[in-house]
Amino acid sequence: MTFAEAKTRHAQLVEEIRRHDHAYYVEGRQLITDYEYDALFKELQDLERQFPKLITAESPTQRVGGAPAEGFARVKHLQPMLSLEKVEGAEHPNKDEEPDRDKRNRLQDENTVPALCAFDTTIRKHLGRDRVEYVVEPKVDGVSISVHYRKGKLALGRHARRRRLWR
């Protein structure tokens, strides 16, 4: 792919992602599945990795999607709430390469470990800690929340997907 072709595709992806962000965050409508959105976003990230000159401050890869809702106070969190990283299970070996399901699943899990280790390294570096404990649960539509209680009462909450705060 030439730089000119990449620039054209980049512009198309940015426009499409912005359209989906607006529909989701502002209108409360989801036009495509999370899987389809993630594929568009990953294509944009890959393109920007291949052609770094395409990266701008306005790129969806450089900002959080959606505008903050009005009427909520800005707060600084004690620990930043990081975006959910996508650590997808390896698809290698596939069914044709390893017909035995149990063995295939085990090998796929083993091939996923490097991505999990890279995620852990990033988190420990960001937090400045040598060790971090995790709780792993099924992901529900990318939803995450940060809540702070003071004297047993909810004082602050933050929804990561929409970046909304409430008191």
Protein backbone atom coordinates (compact mmCIF):
# COMPACT_ATOMS: atom_id res chain seq x y z
CA MET A 1 0.00 0.00 0.00
CA THR A 2 1.34 3.41 -0.93
CA PHE A 3 1.24 6.39 1.41
CA ALA A 4 -1.45 8.01 -0.77
CA GLU A 5 -3.63 4.88 -0.56
CA ALA A 6 -3.04 4.68 3.18
CA LYS A 7 -3.99 8.33 3.60
CA THR A 8 -7.25 7.77 1.71
CA ARG A 9 -8.11 4.65 3.72
CA HIS A 10 -7.14 6.43 6.96
CA ALA A 11 -9.56 9.26 6.20
CA GLN A 12 -12.33 6.75 5.44
CA LEU A 13 -11.73 4.86 8.70
CA VAL A 14 -11.60 8.04 10.78
CA GLU A 15 -14.88 9.26 9.28
CA GLU A 16 -16.58 5.90 9.77
CA ILE A 17 -15.37 5.51 13.37
CA ARG A 18 -16.48 9.05 14.22
CA ARG A 19 -19.91 8.33 12.75
CA HIS A 20 -20.23 5.22 14.90
CA ASP A 21 -18.93 7.05 17.98
CA HIS A 22 -21.50 9.82 17.50
CA ALA A 23 -24.32 7.33 17.04
CA TYR A 24 -23.27 5.37 20.12
CA TYR A 25 -22.26 8.11 22.55
CA VAL A 26 -24.56 10.96 21.54
CA GLU A 27 -27.62 9.28 20.02
CA GLY A 28 -27.51 6.11 22.11
CA ARG A 29 -27.66 3.92 18.98
CA GLN A 30 -25.33 1.12 18.06
CA LEU A 31 -25.06 0.82 14.26
CA ILE A 32 -22.62 -2.08 14.16
CA THR A 33 -21.54 -4.81 16.56
CA ASP A 34 -18.66 -4.31 18.98
CA TYR A 35 -16.74 -6.90 16.96
CA GLU A 36 -17.19 -4.89 13.74
CA TYR A 37 -16.26 -1.64 15.50
CA ASP A 38 -13.16 -3.25 17.00
CA ALA A 39 -12.12 -4.49 13.54
CA LEU A 40 -12.36 -0.95 12.12
CA PHE A 41 -10.42 0.47 15.06
CA LYS A 42 -7.73 -2.20 14.78
CA GLU A 43 -7.38 -1.51 11.05
CA LEU A 44 -6.88 2.18 11.87
CA GLN A 45 -4.28 1.34 14.54
CA ASP A 46 -2.43 -0.97 12.15
CA LEU A 47 -2.45 1.67 9.44
CA GLU A 48 -1.06 4.28 11.84
CA ARG A 49 1.64 1.86 12.98
CA GLN A 50 2.63 1.29 9.35
CA PHE A 51 2.39 5.00 8.44
CA PRO A 52 3.11 7.06 11.62
CA LYS A 53 2.78 10.34 9.69
CA LEU A 54 -0.97 9.70 9.54
CA ILE A 55 -1.33 10.03 13.33
CA THR A 56 -2.90 13.30 14.43
CA ALA A 57 -4.29 14.50 17.75
CA GLU A 58 -7.79 14.20 16.23
CA SER A 59 -7.40 10.52 15.34
CA PRO A 60 -9.78 8.20 17.19
CA THR A 61 -6.68 6.29 18.33
CA GLN A 62 -5.45 9.36 20.21
CA ARG A 63 -8.57 10.24 22.18
CA VAL A 64 -11.45 8.81 24.13
CA GLY A 65 -14.66 8.37 22.12
CA GLY A 66 -17.66 10.43 23.08
CA ALA A 67 -18.05 13.81 24.70
CA PRO A 68 -18.54 14.11 28.45
CA ALA A 69 -22.13 14.50 29.54
CA GLU A 70 -23.12 17.95 30.75
CA GLY A 71 -23.76 18.66 34.41
CA PHE A 72 -21.05 16.46 35.85
CA ALA A 73 -18.05 17.75 37.77
CA ARG A 74 -14.53 17.05 36.60
CA VAL A 75 -12.50 15.01 39.04
CA LYS A 76 -8.99 13.67 39.18
CA HIS A 77 -8.93 10.01 40.09
CA LEU A 78 -6.40 8.73 42.61
CA GLN A 79 -5.45 6.04 40.10
CA PRO A 80 -6.17 6.56 36.42
CA MET A 81 -8.86 4.35 35.00
CA LEU A 82 -7.16 2.74 32.07
CA SER A 83 -8.91 1.69 28.90
CA LEU A 84 -9.76 -1.95 28.65
CA GLU A 85 -7.08 -3.67 26.63
CA LYS A 86 -8.10 -6.22 24.10
CA VAL A 87 -6.30 -9.46 24.75
CA GLU A 88 -7.92 -11.86 22.38
CA GLY A 89 -7.43 -15.57 22.60
CA ALA A 90 -5.06 -17.00 20.03
CA GLU A 91 -6.68 -18.78 17.13
CA HIS A 92 -3.59 -20.82 16.37
CA PRO A 93 -3.61 -23.71 16.01
CA ASN A 94 -6.96 -23.84 14.24
CA LYS A 95 -9.26 -26.83 13.83
CA ASP A 96 -7.47 -28.00 10.67
CA GLU A 97 -4.03 -27.76 12.28
CA GLU A 98 -5.08 -29.58 15.49
CA PRO A 99 -8.30 -31.59 15.28
CA ASP A 100 -8.21 -32.66 18.96
CA ARG A 101 -10.31 -29.96 20.70
CA ASP A 102 -8.76 -30.26 24.16
CA LYS A 103 -5.22 -30.15 22.81
CA ARG A 104 -6.13 -27.28 20.44
CA ASN A 105 -7.66 -25.25 23.31
CA ARG A 106 -4.61 -25.83 25.49
CA LEU A 107 -2.25 -24.74 22.69
CA GLN A 108 -4.38 -21.68 21.95
CA ASP A 109 -4.26 -20.75 25.63
CA GLU A 110 -0.47 -21.14 25.62
CA ASN A 111 -0.26 -18.90 22.55
CA THR A 112 -2.32 -16.23 24.36
CA VAL A 113 0.09 -16.01 27.33
CA PRO A 114 2.54 -13.54 25.65
CA ALA A 115 -0.28 -11.01 25.12
CA LEU A 116 -1.35 -11.35 28.76
CA CYS A 117 2.26 -10.90 29.92
CA ALA A 118 2.61 -7.75 27.80
CA PHE A 119 -0.62 -6.38 29.33
CA ASP A 120 0.70 -7.10 32.84
CA THR A 121 4.00 -5.37 32.04
CA THR A 122 2.17 -2.26 30.84
CA ILE A 123 -0.04 -2.14 33.93
CA ARG A 124 2.84 -2.65 36.39
CA LYS A 125 4.90 0.03 34.64
CA HIS A 126 2.01 2.50 34.69
CA LEU A 127 1.26 1.85 38.36
CA GLY A 128 4.93 1.75 39.37
CA ARG A 129 4.54 -1.64 41.06
CA ASP A 130 6.41 -4.91 40.84
CA ARG A 131 3.27 -6.97 41.37
CA VAL A 132 -0.41 -6.53 40.57
CA GLU A 133 -3.25 -8.90 41.43
CA TYR A 134 -6.04 -9.40 38.90
CA VAL A 135 -9.60 -10.60 38.96
CA VAL A 136 -10.69 -11.87 35.56
CA GLU A 137 -14.37 -11.95 34.69
CA PRO A 138 -16.25 -12.18 31.41
CA LYS A 139 -16.44 -8.86 29.59
CA VAL A 140 -19.90 -7.37 29.30
CA ASP A 141 -20.04 -5.00 26.31
CA GLY A 142 -16.87 -3.20 27.34
CA VAL A 143 -18.46 -1.87 30.51
CA SER A 144 -16.31 -0.93 33.46
CA ILE A 145 -16.93 1.30 36.42
CA SER A 146 -14.87 3.03 39.08
CA VAL A 147 -16.61 3.83 42.34
CA HIS A 148 -15.43 5.62 45.47
CA TYR A 149 -17.16 5.27 48.81
CA ARG A 150 -16.70 7.66 51.73
CA LYS A 151 -17.90 6.47 55.11
CA GLY A 152 -19.91 3.71 53.47
CA LYS A 153 -21.75 5.98 51.02
CA LEU A 154 -21.24 6.29 47.28
CA ALA A 155 -19.28 9.48 46.71
CA LEU A 156 -18.20 9.18 43.08
CA GLY A 157 -18.67 6.84 40.15
CA ARG A 158 -17.28 6.68 36.65
CA HIS A 159 -18.39 4.59 33.70
CA ALA A 160 -15.37 3.97 31.47
CA ARG A 161 -17.18 3.38 28.19
CA ARG A 162 -19.03 6.66 28.17
CA ARG A 163 -16.71 8.51 30.55
CA ARG A 164 -19.65 9.72 32.61
CA LEU A 165 -19.28 10.86 36.19
CA TRP A 166 -21.94 11.14 38.81
CA ARG A 167 -22.12 12.23 42.44
